[in-house]
Amino acid sequence: MSEESTAYDASRIVVLEGLEAVRKRPGMYVGSVGERGLHHLVAEAAVRALEENLGGTASRVEITLTADGGIRVADDGTGVPVECAGHRDGPPLETRLEVLSCGVRPYDRRSLLGGHFDVGLAVVNALSGRLTAEVRRDGARWVLEYERGVAVVTPAHAGPADGSGTAITFRPDPEIFETLEFSFDTLAAQFRELAFLNRELDITLTDERDPAAPRAVRFHSPGGPGDHVAERSGPVHADVIGFEREYAEMEGTIEVALRWCDSGEERVASYANSRPTAGGGTHELGFRDGLAAAVTAYARERRLLTPADPDFTPAQLGAGLTAVVSVKLDHPEFLGAVRDRLGNGPVRACVAEAVREHLGAWLRANPVQASAVLERISTATRD
C-alpha cells in the first residue's frame, strides 16, 4: 500500500452538522436501523407527552399505529409552544424538531428515562420520511410538516381549535430503516411496563393497520408494580408484599413489590427512573441483601435455624420469586456502555434497609403465609 493511499490529514475530515449527522449514522442515535431502532423512535416521540401526563397537564396519551404504516402520538396537554405563534414559554416546537439536543431536560425523579439514548424529537424528525406536528393551543390550531427533517411548508395557522394538545405523526424513512413494520406486541409491552412503574400514566395503544380487525389496549395501573406481580400465577402466599419509601440519603424513592410462586423460575425486574436495568446495580443488590436479612432474621426468631446454621444467601431465595424493584432518583448514575446498571452508592444500603424492615414486618404479621414462604425456600434449598 502506498504512502499516498494511507495518508490522513485535516483535508480528509468531514464535518457533519445537525440532522445530517443523524441520517448519516442513525445507529448512534437510536441503536440500530432494524426493529429495535424503529421502536425506539416511538419512545422518543412519546416521552414528552408521557411526562405531561405524569405532571398532570395531560390526562391521557394516545399512541396509534396508523393505516399507512405510521405512528401518531397525541395528548390533551397544554400544547407545545409554536414559535410562529409568538409563544415563548419553553423551546418552541420548531426548535425541538429541527435542532439536535435542543432544550436538554433537567433529569430528576419525575423524568422518564425509558430509552437508552434520550435523543429527542429532532432525531425522530431526521429519521422520518414524513412528519407532521399539530398543536392546539389558545383556541388556535397550528400545523408543521417535514420530510426527512426538512420543513416542506411554512408553519401554518390552520383555523380555530377546541381544547389543547399536541399530536406528532411520522412515518419512518425507508431509506434508513431495514424494516418499517411496527410490532403491536413490542410496543404494548413497552407501554405496559411504563404504566405499572408510574401509576399516574393513562396510555392507549391502538392499531388501525387492519380495518377488519382494529384493536386497542389501555394501560393504567393504579396498583403500581403490585399489579404486575399479581399477574404471576401459582402464588405460594395470597398477599403481594409491597411498599414505597423515600430516603433523603439517596435523594429519591424506592418502590418494591414481591411474591413467591410455585415455579422454580426467578423473575426479578429492576428499574431506575423507569429505565430497565438489565445489568442490575446498587438497587438490585440492596434488594437481595434486604431479602436475605429479613428471611434469616425471621427464621432465627422462629428457631427454624440453629445458631450453627449459616444465614440464608440471596441465591437461596430466588426460586419462584417474582419482584419489581424500582427507584426514582434526582441524580441517577448509570454505568455500562448502554447505561443498563445503576451505580449510585447510597442506594444499596437504603434499599436493603427498607426491604429488611418491610418484609420482616410482613413475615411476623402473617405467620401462616410466612410458613408457606419458608417451606418454599426450604424445598428449593434441598433441591
Protein backbone atom coordinates (compact mmCIF):
# COMPACT_ATOMS: atom_id res chain seq x y z
CA MET A 1 0.00 0.00 0.00
CA SER A 2 1.42 3.36 -0.99
CA GLU A 3 2.18 6.14 1.46
CA GLU A 4 -0.19 8.37 -0.50
CA SER A 5 -3.12 5.99 -0.07
CA THR A 6 -2.66 5.81 3.71
CA ALA A 7 -2.08 9.49 4.33
CA TYR A 8 -4.62 11.08 6.65
CA ASP A 9 -4.81 14.79 7.37
CA ALA A 10 -7.37 17.52 8.05
CA SER A 11 -8.43 17.58 4.42
CA ARG A 12 -9.99 14.14 4.86
CA ILE A 13 -12.15 15.12 7.83
CA VAL A 14 -15.83 15.52 7.00
CA VAL A 15 -17.84 17.60 9.48
CA LEU A 16 -21.48 16.58 9.72
CA GLU A 17 -23.78 19.11 11.32
CA GLY A 18 -27.24 18.91 12.84
CA LEU A 19 -29.70 16.38 11.47
CA GLU A 20 -27.32 15.42 8.66
CA ALA A 21 -25.20 13.62 11.26
CA VAL A 22 -28.25 11.69 12.47
CA ARG A 23 -29.12 10.47 8.99
CA LYS A 24 -25.51 9.51 8.28
CA ARG A 25 -25.08 7.49 11.48
CA PRO A 26 -28.59 6.60 12.71
CA GLY A 27 -27.40 3.71 14.88
CA MET A 28 -25.53 6.14 17.13
CA TYR A 29 -28.83 7.81 17.99
CA VAL A 30 -31.46 5.03 18.05
CA GLY A 31 -29.35 1.90 18.45
CA SER A 32 -29.98 0.23 15.11
CA VAL A 33 -31.72 0.56 11.76
CA GLY A 34 -33.69 -2.61 12.48
CA GLU A 35 -36.73 -3.25 14.64
CA ARG A 36 -35.00 -2.04 17.82
CA GLY A 37 -34.32 1.41 16.35
CA LEU A 38 -37.80 1.59 14.84
CA HIS A 39 -39.45 1.10 18.22
CA HIS A 40 -37.01 3.47 19.88
CA LEU A 41 -38.35 6.25 17.65
CA VAL A 42 -41.77 5.71 19.23
CA ALA A 43 -40.32 6.06 22.73
CA GLU A 44 -38.58 9.30 21.78
CA ALA A 45 -41.73 10.69 20.19
CA ALA A 46 -43.81 9.76 23.26
CA VAL A 47 -41.63 10.81 26.22
CA ARG A 48 -42.66 14.49 26.24
CA ALA A 49 -46.37 13.60 26.15
CA LEU A 50 -45.94 10.96 28.85
CA GLU A 51 -44.18 13.44 31.12
CA GLU A 52 -47.06 15.88 30.64
CA ASN A 53 -49.38 13.07 31.69
CA LEU A 54 -47.25 12.37 34.77
CA GLY A 55 -47.14 16.07 35.61
CA GLY A 56 -50.91 16.39 35.46
CA THR A 57 -51.07 18.78 32.50
CA ALA A 58 -52.37 16.00 30.22
CA SER A 59 -54.98 13.44 31.26
CA ARG A 60 -54.12 10.83 28.64
CA VAL A 61 -51.72 9.84 25.86
CA GLU A 62 -52.93 8.09 22.73
CA ILE A 63 -50.50 6.17 20.53
CA THR A 64 -51.85 4.92 17.21
CA LEU A 65 -50.38 2.67 14.55
CA THR A 66 -51.96 4.28 11.50
CA ALA A 67 -53.29 2.54 8.41
CA ASP A 68 -50.50 3.96 6.23
CA GLY A 69 -47.73 2.45 8.39
CA GLY A 70 -47.02 5.48 10.54
CA ILE A 71 -47.30 6.33 14.22
CA ARG A 72 -49.32 9.10 15.84
CA VAL A 73 -48.60 10.23 19.41
CA ALA A 74 -51.30 12.58 20.73
CA ASP A 75 -52.02 14.16 24.09
CA ASP A 76 -54.51 16.61 25.55
CA GLY A 77 -51.88 18.67 27.34
CA THR A 78 -51.12 22.36 27.12
CA GLY A 79 -49.83 22.24 23.53
CA VAL A 80 -46.13 22.74 22.82
CA PRO A 81 -45.42 26.42 22.11
CA VAL A 82 -45.13 27.33 18.43
CA GLU A 83 -42.59 30.00 17.52
CA CYS A 84 -44.59 31.44 14.63
CA ALA A 85 -47.49 32.00 17.04
CA GLY A 86 -45.31 34.14 19.30
CA HIS A 87 -45.19 31.74 22.27
CA ARG A 88 -42.01 31.95 24.35
CA ASP A 89 -42.64 29.63 27.32
CA GLY A 90 -40.02 26.96 26.64
CA PRO A 91 -38.30 25.77 23.47
CA PRO A 92 -40.78 26.15 20.58
CA LEU A 93 -41.84 23.08 18.63
CA GLU A 94 -39.92 24.17 15.53
CA THR A 95 -36.66 24.18 17.52
CA ARG A 96 -37.40 20.83 19.17
CA LEU A 97 -37.93 19.29 15.74
CA GLU A 98 -35.00 20.93 13.95
CA VAL A 99 -32.17 21.32 16.47
CA LEU A 100 -30.26 18.36 17.83
CA SER A 101 -30.09 18.18 21.64
CA CYS A 102 -32.40 21.15 21.94
CA GLY A 103 -33.61 22.03 25.40
CA VAL A 104 -31.85 19.28 27.35
CA ARG A 105 -34.23 18.30 30.11
CA PRO A 106 -33.20 18.51 33.77
CA TYR A 107 -33.36 14.89 34.93
CA ASP A 108 -34.85 14.13 38.29
CA ARG A 109 -37.10 11.50 39.85
CA ARG A 110 -40.07 12.74 37.78
CA SER A 111 -38.26 12.26 34.47
CA LEU A 112 -38.90 9.26 32.27
CA LEU A 113 -35.71 7.60 31.12
CA GLY A 114 -37.24 4.60 29.43
CA GLY A 115 -34.99 4.73 26.37
CA HIS A 116 -31.23 4.14 26.29
CA PHE A 117 -30.45 7.25 24.25
CA ASP A 118 -32.90 10.06 25.11
CA VAL A 119 -32.23 11.93 21.89
CA GLY A 120 -35.47 13.83 21.39
CA LEU A 121 -37.87 14.85 18.67
CA ALA A 122 -35.18 16.18 16.31
CA VAL A 123 -33.87 12.65 15.79
CA VAL A 124 -37.40 11.33 15.17
CA ASN A 125 -37.82 14.07 12.57
CA ALA A 126 -34.44 13.37 10.93
CA LEU A 127 -35.20 9.65 10.52
CA SER A 128 -38.77 10.06 9.28
CA GLY A 129 -39.72 10.13 5.64
CA ARG A 130 -42.61 12.38 6.63
CA LEU A 131 -43.51 14.04 9.93
CA THR A 132 -46.50 16.23 10.73
CA ALA A 133 -46.93 18.11 14.00
CA GLU A 134 -50.25 19.58 15.07
CA VAL A 135 -50.67 21.89 18.03
CA ARG A 136 -53.94 23.07 19.58
CA ARG A 137 -53.38 25.99 21.91
CA ASP A 138 -55.14 29.22 22.91
CA GLY A 139 -58.09 28.43 20.64
CA ALA A 140 -55.93 28.05 17.50
CA ARG A 141 -54.62 25.08 15.53
CA TRP A 142 -51.11 25.08 14.02
CA VAL A 143 -49.59 22.55 11.61
CA LEU A 144 -45.90 21.92 10.81
CA GLU A 145 -44.76 19.49 8.09
CA TYR A 146 -41.34 17.94 7.38
CA GLU A 147 -39.72 15.46 5.02
CA ARG A 148 -36.50 13.79 6.18
CA GLY A 149 -36.02 16.52 8.75
CA VAL A 150 -36.52 19.45 6.39
CA ALA A 151 -39.57 21.72 6.62
CA VAL A 152 -41.66 21.44 3.44
CA VAL A 153 -44.13 24.23 4.23
CA THR A 154 -44.11 27.31 6.39
CA PRO A 155 -45.75 26.60 9.77
CA ALA A 156 -49.38 27.45 9.20
CA HIS A 157 -52.31 28.60 11.27
CA ALA A 158 -54.96 26.02 10.34
CA GLY A 159 -58.02 27.57 11.94
CA PRO A 160 -59.69 27.51 15.34
CA ALA A 161 -59.39 24.61 17.75
CA ASP A 162 -61.26 23.28 20.75
CA GLY A 163 -59.21 22.24 23.74
CA SER A 164 -55.45 21.91 23.67
CA GLY A 165 -52.77 19.33 22.98
CA THR A 166 -50.03 18.14 20.65
CA ALA A 167 -50.00 15.37 18.04
CA ILE A 168 -46.85 14.10 16.31
CA THR A 169 -47.41 11.79 13.32
CA PHE A 170 -44.47 10.24 11.50
CA ARG A 171 -43.54 7.50 9.04
CA PRO A 172 -40.02 6.03 9.34
CA ASP A 173 -37.80 6.67 6.34
CA PRO A 174 -37.41 3.56 4.12
CA GLU A 175 -34.00 4.91 3.06
CA ILE A 176 -32.83 4.50 6.67
CA PHE A 177 -34.61 1.50 8.22
CA GLU A 178 -34.35 -2.14 7.21
CA THR A 179 -37.91 -2.78 8.35
CA LEU A 180 -40.91 -0.45 8.55
CA GLU A 181 -43.21 -2.87 10.37
CA PHE A 182 -44.01 -1.86 13.95
CA SER A 183 -44.82 -4.68 16.36
CA PHE A 184 -48.00 -4.04 18.34
CA ASP A 185 -46.89 -6.59 20.96
CA THR A 186 -43.47 -4.97 21.43
CA LEU A 187 -44.99 -1.53 21.87
CA ALA A 188 -47.68 -2.92 24.18
CA ALA A 189 -45.03 -4.48 26.43
CA GLN A 190 -43.09 -1.21 26.50
CA PHE A 191 -46.07 0.94 27.50
CA ARG A 192 -47.50 -1.64 29.90
CA GLU A 193 -44.17 -1.54 31.73
CA LEU A 194 -44.18 2.26 31.93
CA ALA A 195 -47.76 2.23 33.23
CA PHE A 196 -47.12 -0.09 36.17
CA LEU A 197 -43.97 1.84 37.08
CA ASN A 198 -45.88 5.16 37.00
CA ARG A 199 -49.41 4.70 38.26
CA GLU A 200 -50.47 8.19 37.12
CA LEU A 201 -49.98 7.29 33.45
CA ASP A 202 -53.01 6.63 31.24
CA ILE A 203 -51.94 5.33 27.83
CA THR A 204 -53.98 3.93 24.96
CA LEU A 205 -52.32 1.96 22.17
CA THR A 206 -54.44 1.50 19.03
CA ASP A 207 -53.72 -0.49 15.86
CA GLU A 208 -55.57 0.72 12.76
CA ARG A 209 -53.49 -1.15 10.18
CA ASP A 210 -56.06 -3.90 9.58
CA PRO A 211 -59.51 -2.31 9.06
CA ALA A 212 -61.12 -5.71 9.52
CA ALA A 213 -59.55 -6.24 12.95
CA PRO A 214 -58.67 -2.96 14.69
CA ARG A 215 -57.55 -3.29 18.29
CA ALA A 216 -56.89 -1.02 21.22
CA VAL A 217 -55.45 -1.56 24.70
CA ARG A 218 -55.44 0.84 27.63
CA PHE A 219 -52.56 0.82 30.10
CA HIS A 220 -53.33 2.23 33.54
CA SER A 221 -52.11 0.57 36.76
CA PRO A 222 -53.41 2.27 39.92
CA GLY A 223 -51.79 -0.51 41.95
CA GLY A 224 -48.35 0.20 40.52
CA PRO A 225 -45.76 -2.63 40.49
CA GLY A 226 -48.06 -4.72 42.68
CA ASP A 227 -50.45 -5.07 39.74
CA HIS A 228 -47.64 -6.57 37.67
CA VAL A 229 -46.52 -9.01 40.36
CA ALA A 230 -50.13 -10.10 40.97
CA GLU A 231 -50.36 -11.33 37.38
CA ARG A 232 -47.98 -14.21 38.09
CA SER A 233 -49.91 -17.47 38.51
CA GLY A 234 -49.40 -20.13 41.17
CA PRO A 235 -48.73 -17.94 44.21
CA VAL A 236 -47.37 -19.60 47.35
CA HIS A 237 -48.95 -16.89 49.53
CA ALA A 238 -52.00 -14.72 48.91
CA ASP A 239 -50.53 -11.30 49.61
CA VAL A 240 -48.40 -9.27 47.25
CA ILE A 241 -45.81 -7.71 49.56
CA GLY A 242 -45.28 -4.11 48.54
CA PHE A 243 -44.19 -0.76 49.86
CA GLU A 244 -42.93 2.69 48.91
CA ARG A 245 -40.39 4.70 50.85
CA GLU A 246 -38.38 7.88 50.44
CA TYR A 247 -34.78 8.32 51.56
CA ALA A 248 -33.02 11.68 51.74
CA GLU A 249 -29.69 9.82 51.74
CA MET A 250 -30.22 8.60 48.19
CA GLU A 251 -32.25 11.62 47.06
CA GLY A 252 -35.10 9.52 45.81
CA THR A 253 -37.81 6.96 46.40
CA ILE A 254 -38.00 3.18 46.50
CA GLU A 255 -40.95 1.07 45.39
CA VAL A 256 -40.86 -2.71 45.74
CA ALA A 257 -43.43 -5.44 45.13
CA LEU A 258 -42.73 -9.17 45.52
CA ARG A 259 -44.34 -12.58 45.91
CA TRP A 260 -43.14 -16.18 45.85
CA CYS A 261 -44.80 -18.57 43.40
CA ASP A 262 -44.69 -22.33 42.97
CA SER A 263 -42.43 -22.35 39.90
CA GLY A 264 -38.68 -22.69 40.11
CA GLU A 265 -38.09 -19.60 37.99
CA GLU A 266 -36.91 -16.28 39.38
CA ARG A 267 -38.31 -13.09 37.85
CA VAL A 268 -36.75 -10.03 39.41
CA ALA A 269 -37.04 -6.87 37.30
CA SER A 270 -35.24 -3.71 38.38
CA TYR A 271 -35.69 -0.14 37.15
CA ALA A 272 -34.15 3.26 37.76
CA ASN A 273 -36.20 6.31 36.76
CA SER A 274 -38.39 3.94 34.69
CA ARG A 275 -35.37 2.68 32.74
CA PRO A 276 -34.98 -1.13 32.74
CA THR A 277 -31.68 -2.04 34.38
CA ALA A 278 -30.92 -5.43 32.89
CA GLY A 279 -27.40 -5.17 34.30
CA GLY A 280 -28.72 -4.70 37.82
CA GLY A 281 -26.85 -2.32 40.05
CA THR A 282 -26.94 -0.98 43.58
CA HIS A 283 -30.75 -1.06 43.88
CA GLU A 284 -30.94 -4.74 42.93
CA LEU A 285 -28.02 -5.66 45.18
CA GLY A 286 -29.72 -3.83 48.05
CA PHE A 287 -32.97 -5.68 47.39
CA ARG A 288 -31.23 -9.04 47.61
CA ASP A 289 -29.31 -8.01 50.74
CA GLY A 290 -32.52 -6.96 52.47
CA LEU A 291 -34.37 -10.08 51.36
CA ALA A 292 -31.73 -12.39 52.83
CA ALA A 293 -31.50 -10.37 56.06
CA ALA A 294 -35.29 -10.37 56.64
CA VAL A 295 -35.81 -14.07 55.95
CA THR A 296 -32.78 -15.06 58.01
CA ALA A 297 -33.88 -12.94 60.98
CA TYR A 298 -37.42 -14.36 60.88
CA ALA A 299 -36.16 -17.94 60.61
CA ARG A 300 -33.91 -17.42 63.63
CA GLU A 301 -36.75 -15.84 65.63
CA ARG A 302 -38.86 -18.92 64.92
CA ARG A 303 -35.87 -21.19 65.66
CA LEU A 304 -36.04 -22.66 62.20
CA LEU A 305 -32.29 -22.11 62.01
CA THR A 306 -29.94 -23.24 64.74
CA PRO A 307 -27.12 -21.00 65.96
CA ALA A 308 -24.75 -23.17 63.93
CA ASP A 309 -26.71 -22.79 60.68
CA PRO A 310 -25.42 -20.17 58.25
CA ASP A 311 -27.57 -17.24 57.17
CA PHE A 312 -29.61 -17.54 54.03
CA THR A 313 -27.89 -16.17 50.97
CA PRO A 314 -29.70 -14.20 48.23
CA ALA A 315 -29.10 -17.10 45.83
CA GLN A 316 -31.16 -19.43 48.03
CA LEU A 317 -34.24 -17.20 47.97
CA GLY A 318 -34.76 -16.73 44.24
CA ALA A 319 -36.68 -19.85 43.22
CA GLY A 320 -40.26 -18.84 42.42
CA LEU A 321 -39.65 -15.23 43.38
CA THR A 322 -41.36 -12.53 41.32
CA ALA A 323 -40.35 -8.98 42.19
CA VAL A 324 -40.20 -5.44 40.88
CA VAL A 325 -37.57 -3.09 42.33
CA SER A 326 -38.00 0.49 41.18
CA VAL A 327 -36.07 3.53 42.34
CA LYS A 328 -36.60 7.11 41.21
CA LEU A 329 -33.65 9.37 41.84
CA ASP A 330 -32.96 13.06 41.45
CA HIS A 331 -29.43 12.26 40.24
CA PRO A 332 -29.27 8.76 38.70
CA GLU A 333 -25.84 7.44 37.74
CA PHE A 334 -25.89 4.77 35.04
CA LEU A 335 -22.95 2.51 34.25
CA GLY A 336 -22.02 0.39 31.25
CA ALA A 337 -21.94 1.06 27.54
CA VAL A 338 -25.74 1.04 27.27
CA ARG A 339 -26.33 2.52 30.74
CA ASP A 340 -28.20 -0.56 31.98
CA ARG A 341 -26.69 -0.71 35.50
CA LEU A 342 -27.27 1.69 38.38
CA GLY A 343 -24.19 2.97 40.19
CA ASN A 344 -25.47 5.31 42.96
CA GLY A 345 -23.63 4.12 46.08
CA PRO A 346 -26.09 5.14 48.84
CA VAL A 347 -28.94 3.30 47.10
CA ARG A 348 -27.77 -0.17 48.13
CA ALA A 349 -27.93 0.45 51.88
CA CYS A 350 -31.25 2.31 51.64
CA VAL A 351 -32.98 -0.40 49.61
CA ALA A 352 -31.55 -3.13 51.86
CA GLU A 353 -32.85 -1.41 55.00
CA ALA A 354 -36.30 -0.79 53.52
CA VAL A 355 -36.70 -4.38 52.29
CA ARG A 356 -35.43 -5.84 55.56
CA GLU A 357 -37.84 -3.77 57.63
CA HIS A 358 -40.95 -4.14 55.47
CA LEU A 359 -40.54 -7.81 54.61
CA GLY A 360 -39.62 -8.63 58.20
CA ALA A 361 -42.76 -6.88 59.48
CA TRP A 362 -44.92 -8.73 56.95
CA LEU A 363 -43.46 -12.13 57.91
CA ARG A 364 -44.14 -11.52 61.60
CA ALA A 365 -47.68 -10.21 60.95
CA ASN A 366 -48.63 -13.12 58.66
CA PRO A 367 -47.30 -16.33 60.25
CA VAL A 368 -49.35 -18.70 58.07
CA GLN A 369 -48.20 -17.10 54.82
CA ALA A 370 -44.69 -16.75 56.24
CA SER A 371 -44.61 -20.51 56.89
CA ALA A 372 -45.53 -21.12 53.25
CA VAL A 373 -42.68 -18.86 52.15
CA LEU A 374 -40.15 -20.63 54.39
CA GLU A 375 -41.34 -24.02 53.19
CA ARG A 376 -40.95 -22.87 49.58
CA ILE A 377 -37.41 -21.68 50.31
CA SER A 378 -36.55 -24.85 52.20
CA THR A 379 -37.81 -27.04 49.34
CA ALA A 380 -35.77 -25.07 46.81
CA THR A 381 -32.67 -25.26 49.01
CA ARG A 382 -32.97 -29.07 49.32
CA ASP A 383 -33.45 -29.41 45.56
